[in-house]
C-alpha atoms as a PDB file:
ATOM      1  CA  MET A   1      -4.928  10.361  -1.715  1.00  0.00           C
ATOM      2  CA  LEU A   2      -6.948   9.731  -4.855  1.00  0.00           C
ATOM      3  CA  ASP A   3     -10.098  11.173  -3.271  1.00  0.00           C
ATOM      4  CA  THR A   4      -8.157  14.330  -2.350  1.00  0.00           C
ATOM      5  CA  LEU A   5      -6.813  14.644  -5.894  1.00  0.00           C
ATOM      6  CA  ARG A   6     -10.321  14.213  -7.319  1.00  0.00           C
ATOM      7  CA  ASP A   7     -11.747  16.811  -4.915  1.00  0.00           C
ATOM      8  CA  GLU A   8      -8.906  19.344  -4.790  1.00  0.00           C
ATOM      9  CA  GLY A   9      -7.090  18.877  -8.088  1.00  0.00           C
ATOM     10  CA  GLU A  10      -3.291  18.743  -8.270  1.00  0.00           C
ATOM     11  CA  ASP A  11      -2.761  21.748  -5.963  1.00  0.00           C
ATOM     12  CA  VAL A  12      -2.302  19.845  -2.682  1.00  0.00           C
ATOM     13  CA  GLU A  13       0.079  20.076   0.232  1.00  0.00           C
ATOM     14  CA  PRO A  14       1.570  17.123   2.158  1.00  0.00           C
ATOM     15  CA  GLU A  15      -0.808  17.756   5.070  1.00  0.00           C
ATOM     16  CA  ASP A  16      -3.737  17.335   2.667  1.00  0.00           C
ATOM     17  CA  VAL A  17      -2.895  13.683   2.024  1.00  0.00           C
ATOM     18  CA  ARG A  18      -1.231  12.446   5.201  1.00  0.00           C
ATOM     19  CA  ARG A  19      -2.920  11.459   8.427  1.00  0.00           C
ATOM     20  CA  THR A  20      -1.684  10.620  11.898  1.00  0.00           C
ATOM     21  CA  GLY A  21      -2.379   6.967  12.593  1.00  0.00           C
ATOM     22  CA  PHE A  22      -2.046   4.579  15.503  1.00  0.00           C
ATOM     23  CA  CYS A  23       0.827   5.559  17.846  1.00  0.00           C
ATOM     24  CA  GLN A  24       1.399   8.816  15.897  1.00  0.00           C
ATOM     25  CA  THR A  25       2.496   7.050  12.677  1.00  0.00           C
ATOM     26  CA  MET A  26       2.277   9.365   9.652  1.00  0.00           C
ATOM     27  CA  CYS A  27       0.246   7.597   6.953  1.00  0.00           C
ATOM     28  CA  VAL A  28      -0.607   8.140   3.295  1.00  0.00           C
ATOM     29  CA  GLU A  29      -3.289   5.910   1.802  1.00  0.00           C
ATOM     30  CA  SER A  30      -2.895   5.685  -1.935  1.00  0.00           C
ATOM     31  CA  GLY A  31      -5.650   3.115  -2.368  1.00  0.00           C
ATOM     32  CA  GLY A  32      -7.065   2.786  -5.816  1.00  0.00           C
ATOM     33  CA  PRO A  33      -9.981   3.818  -7.944  1.00  0.00           C
ATOM     34  CA  GLU A  34     -13.503   2.775  -7.085  1.00  0.00           C
ATOM     35  CA  PRO A  35     -13.952  -1.021  -7.248  1.00  0.00           C
ATOM     36  CA  GLY A  36     -14.422  -2.236 -10.800  1.00  0.00           C
ATOM     37  CA  VAL A  37     -12.958   0.922 -12.368  1.00  0.00           C
ATOM     38  CA  GLY A  38      -9.284  -0.040 -12.439  1.00  0.00           C
ATOM     39  CA  CYS A  39      -6.514  -1.549 -10.384  1.00  0.00           C
ATOM     40  CA  ALA A  40      -4.881  -0.222  -7.222  1.00  0.00           C
ATOM     41  CA  GLY A  41      -1.532  -0.164  -9.029  1.00  0.00           C
ATOM     42  CA  ARG A  42      -2.684   2.934 -10.884  1.00  0.00           C
ATOM     43  CA  GLY A  43      -3.500   4.536  -7.538  1.00  0.00           C
ATOM     44  CA  ILE A  44      -0.040   3.723  -6.253  1.00  0.00           C
ATOM     45  CA  ILE A  45       1.606   5.171  -9.359  1.00  0.00           C
ATOM     46  CA  THR A  46      -0.481   8.342  -9.003  1.00  0.00           C
ATOM     47  CA  ALA A  47       0.486   8.570  -5.319  1.00  0.00           C
ATOM     48  CA  ILE A  48       4.186   8.136  -6.082  1.00  0.00           C
ATOM     49  CA  ASN A  49       4.072  10.811  -8.789  1.00  0.00           C
ATOM     50  CA  LEU A  50       2.279  13.275  -6.496  1.00  0.00           C
ATOM     51  CA  LEU A  51       4.574  12.659  -3.533  1.00  0.00           C
ATOM     52  CA  GLU A  52       7.568  13.147  -5.818  1.00  0.00           C
ATOM     53  CA  GLN A  53       6.138  16.512  -6.951  1.00  0.00           C
ATOM     54  CA  LEU A  54       5.586  17.580  -3.329  1.00  0.00           C
ATOM     55  CA  GLY A  55       9.241  17.203  -2.348  1.00  0.00           C
ATOM     56  CA  SER A  56      12.150  14.860  -1.797  1.00  0.00           C
ATOM     57  CA  VAL A  57      10.062  11.872  -0.704  1.00  0.00           C
ATOM     58  CA  ARG A  58      11.549   8.403  -0.283  1.00  0.00           C
ATOM     59  CA  LEU A  59       9.675   5.111  -0.549  1.00  0.00           C
ATOM     60  CA  GLY A  60      10.456   2.607   2.169  1.00  0.00           C
ATOM     61  CA  GLY A  61       8.858  -0.343   0.378  1.00  0.00           C
ATOM     62  CA  LEU A  62       5.514  -1.940  -0.387  1.00  0.00           C
ATOM     63  CA  ILE A  63       3.188  -3.741   1.976  1.00  0.00           C
ATOM     64  CA  CYS A  64       0.962  -6.355   0.383  1.00  0.00           C
ATOM     65  CA  ASN A  65      -2.420  -6.572   2.082  1.00  0.00           C
ATOM     66  CA  SER A  66      -3.339  -9.959   0.657  1.00  0.00           C
ATOM     67  CA  ARG A  67      -6.548 -10.605  -1.224  1.00  0.00           C
ATOM     68  CA  LYS A  68      -5.713 -14.325  -1.639  1.00  0.00           C
ATOM     69  CA  VAL A  69      -5.383 -14.249  -5.411  1.00  0.00           C
ATOM     70  CA  ASP A  70      -3.097 -16.516  -7.413  1.00  0.00           C
ATOM     71  CA  ASN A  71       0.563 -15.460  -7.638  1.00  0.00           C
ATOM     72  CA  GLU A  72      -0.129 -12.401  -5.498  1.00  0.00           C
ATOM     73  CA  LYS A  73       3.077 -12.401  -3.466  1.00  0.00           C
ATOM     74  CA  GLU A  74       5.257 -13.005  -6.521  1.00  0.00           C
ATOM     75  CA  MET A  75       3.485 -10.276  -8.485  1.00  0.00           C
ATOM     76  CA  ILE A  76       3.941  -7.687  -5.700  1.00  0.00           C
ATOM     77  CA  GLU A  77       7.613  -8.646  -5.364  1.00  0.00           C
ATOM     78  CA  GLN A  78       8.070  -8.121  -9.119  1.00  0.00           C
ATOM     79  CA  PHE A  79       6.118  -4.845  -9.040  1.00  0.00           C
ATOM     80  CA  ALA A  80       8.299  -3.609  -6.156  1.00  0.00           C
ATOM     81  CA  LYS A  81      11.454  -4.593  -8.044  1.00  0.00           C
ATOM     82  CA  LYS A  82      10.313  -2.622 -11.097  1.00  0.00           C
ATOM     83  CA  LEU A  83       9.710   0.421  -8.872  1.00  0.00           C
ATOM     84  CA  GLY A  84      13.228   0.038  -7.467  1.00  0.00           C
ATOM     85  CA  THR A  85      12.115  -1.042  -3.994  1.00  0.00           C
ATOM     86  CA  ARG A  86      11.016  -4.209  -2.209  1.00  0.00           C
ATOM     87  CA  MET A  87       8.025  -5.710  -0.469  1.00  0.00           C
ATOM     88  CA  ILE A  88       8.715  -5.239   3.215  1.00  0.00           C
ATOM     89  CA  HIS A  89       5.854  -7.406   4.455  1.00  0.00           C
ATOM     90  CA  PHE A  90       3.118  -9.677   3.134  1.00  0.00           C
ATOM     91  CA  VAL A  91      -0.002  -9.426   5.311  1.00  0.00           C
ATOM     92  CA  PRO A  92      -2.145 -12.544   4.858  1.00  0.00           C
ATOM     93  CA  ARG A  93      -5.906 -12.201   4.561  1.00  0.00           C
ATOM     94  CA  ASP A  94      -7.675 -13.155   7.774  1.00  0.00           C
ATOM     95  CA  ASN A  95     -11.269 -12.865   8.982  1.00  0.00           C
ATOM     96  CA  ASP A  96     -10.028 -11.372  12.263  1.00  0.00           C
ATOM     97  CA  VAL A  97      -9.622  -8.079  10.355  1.00  0.00           C
ATOM     98  CA  GLN A  98     -13.354  -7.937   9.588  1.00  0.00           C
ATOM     99  CA  ARG A  99     -14.202  -8.991  13.171  1.00  0.00           C
ATOM    100  CA  ALA A 100     -12.105  -6.134  14.529  1.00  0.00           C
ATOM    101  CA  GLU A 101     -13.623  -3.660  12.037  1.00  0.00           C
ATOM    102  CA  ILE A 102     -17.151  -4.656  13.076  1.00  0.00           C
ATOM    103  CA  ASN A 103     -16.117  -3.886  16.655  1.00  0.00           C
ATOM    104  CA  ARG A 104     -14.547  -0.567  15.503  1.00  0.00           C
ATOM    105  CA  LYS A 105     -11.132  -1.546  16.787  1.00  0.00           C
ATOM    106  CA  THR A 106      -7.732  -2.347  15.388  1.00  0.00           C
ATOM    107  CA  VAL A 107      -6.931  -6.058  15.298  1.00  0.00           C
ATOM    108  CA  ILE A 108      -4.462  -5.658  18.166  1.00  0.00           C
ATOM    109  CA  GLU A 109      -7.032  -3.802  20.295  1.00  0.00           C
ATOM    110  CA  TRP A 110      -9.691  -6.408  19.488  1.00  0.00           C
ATOM    111  CA  ASN A 111      -7.660  -9.594  20.067  1.00  0.00           C
ATOM    112  CA  PHE A 112      -4.063  -9.016  21.100  1.00  0.00           C
ATOM    113  CA  ALA A 113      -3.202 -12.740  20.882  1.00  0.00           C
ATOM    114  CA  CYS A 114      -4.613 -13.699  17.461  1.00  0.00           C
ATOM    115  CA  ASP A 115      -2.351 -14.662  14.539  1.00  0.00           C
ATOM    116  CA  GLN A 116      -3.291 -11.518  12.599  1.00  0.00           C
ATOM    117  CA  ALA A 117      -2.158  -9.355  15.530  1.00  0.00           C
ATOM    118  CA  ASP A 118       1.215 -11.126  15.264  1.00  0.00           C
ATOM    119  CA  GLU A 119       1.313 -10.233  11.553  1.00  0.00           C
ATOM    120  CA  TYR A 120       0.772  -6.553  12.341  1.00  0.00           C
ATOM    121  CA  ARG A 121       3.478  -6.638  15.018  1.00  0.00           C
ATOM    122  CA  ALA A 122       5.850  -8.213  12.470  1.00  0.00           C
ATOM    123  CA  LEU A 123       4.843  -5.507   9.964  1.00  0.00           C
ATOM    124  CA  ALA A 124       5.587  -2.789  12.532  1.00  0.00           C
ATOM    125  CA  LYS A 125       9.035  -4.288  13.181  1.00  0.00           C
ATOM    126  CA  ALA A 126       9.714  -4.469   9.434  1.00  0.00           C
ATOM    127  CA  ILE A 127       8.762  -0.810   9.011  1.00  0.00           C
ATOM    128  CA  ASP A 128      10.717   0.307  12.075  1.00  0.00           C
ATOM    129  CA  GLY A 129      13.806  -1.665  11.073  1.00  0.00           C
ATOM    130  CA  ASN A 130      13.690  -0.650   7.425  1.00  0.00           C
ATOM    131  CA  ASP A 131      16.706   1.284   6.189  1.00  0.00           C
ATOM    132  CA  MET A 132      16.028   1.128   2.437  1.00  0.00           C
ATOM    133  CA  PHE A 133      14.530   4.373   1.134  1.00  0.00           C
ATOM    134  CA  VAL A 134      14.425   5.064  -2.594  1.00  0.00           C
ATOM    135  CA  ILE A 135      12.952   7.475  -5.074  1.00  0.00           C
ATOM    136  CA  PRO A 136      10.739   5.026  -6.958  1.00  0.00           C
ATOM    137  CA  GLN A 137      10.819   4.611 -10.706  1.00  0.00           C
ATOM    138  CA  PRO A 138       7.189   5.061 -11.819  1.00  0.00           C
ATOM    139  CA  LEU A 139       5.810   2.531 -14.291  1.00  0.00           C
ATOM    140  CA  SER A 140       3.829   3.375 -17.362  1.00  0.00           C
ATOM    141  CA  THR A 141       0.325   1.971 -17.626  1.00  0.00           C
ATOM    142  CA  ASP A 142       1.612  -0.435 -20.312  1.00  0.00           C
ATOM    143  CA  GLU A 143       4.360  -1.737 -17.988  1.00  0.00           C
ATOM    144  CA  LEU A 144       1.863  -2.164 -15.153  1.00  0.00           C
ATOM    145  CA  GLU A 145      -0.621  -4.018 -17.349  1.00  0.00           C
ATOM    146  CA  LYS A 146       2.165  -6.251 -18.722  1.00  0.00           C
ATOM    147  CA  THR A 147       3.160  -7.199 -15.170  1.00  0.00           C
ATOM    148  CA  LEU A 148      -0.461  -7.958 -14.265  1.00  0.00           C
ATOM    149  CA  MET A 149      -0.826 -10.133 -17.363  1.00  0.00           C
ATOM    150  CA  GLU A 150       2.405 -12.017 -16.575  1.00  0.00           C
ATOM    151  CA  TYR A 151       0.926 -13.047 -13.236  1.00  0.00           C
ATOM    152  CA  GLY A 152      -2.508 -13.900 -14.626  1.00  0.00           C
ATOM    153  CA  LEU A 153      -4.343 -11.046 -12.933  1.00  0.00           C
ATOM    154  CA  MET A 154      -5.682  -9.380 -16.064  1.00  0.00           C
ATOM    155  CA  GLY A 155      -8.207 -10.634 -18.517  1.00  0.00           C
END
């Protein structure tokens, strides 16, 4: 999404930022700025603001793709709460993801029986069974930075 905004400006349509993923799932990747330039939270806030401008969009929750940093799960839960949503799944970091990527496959395609494949199946069930959809309450940069500092992830 952020790449599209940088390239196209603010005049985008939903089809400009969504892609069809595995098993026809509609996906929007908010990502973050280039590494070392800022935090992904700013990317998420930008994505939420843009999706809100594009129509009556609802947020089903956050998925934490773990980086194995201190207090990560607690920080994402607090961030979700401040947005008015919840974390629907915490995906632990696992080297099987990189092994699958090297083989140009999803984790489930690469090794159906590994623990990380089980995590993605649990994530899919959490998404499919989710019935909480909200219009998120965007955070200011100051609120985001305060949350990051509370959990020891800034400076």
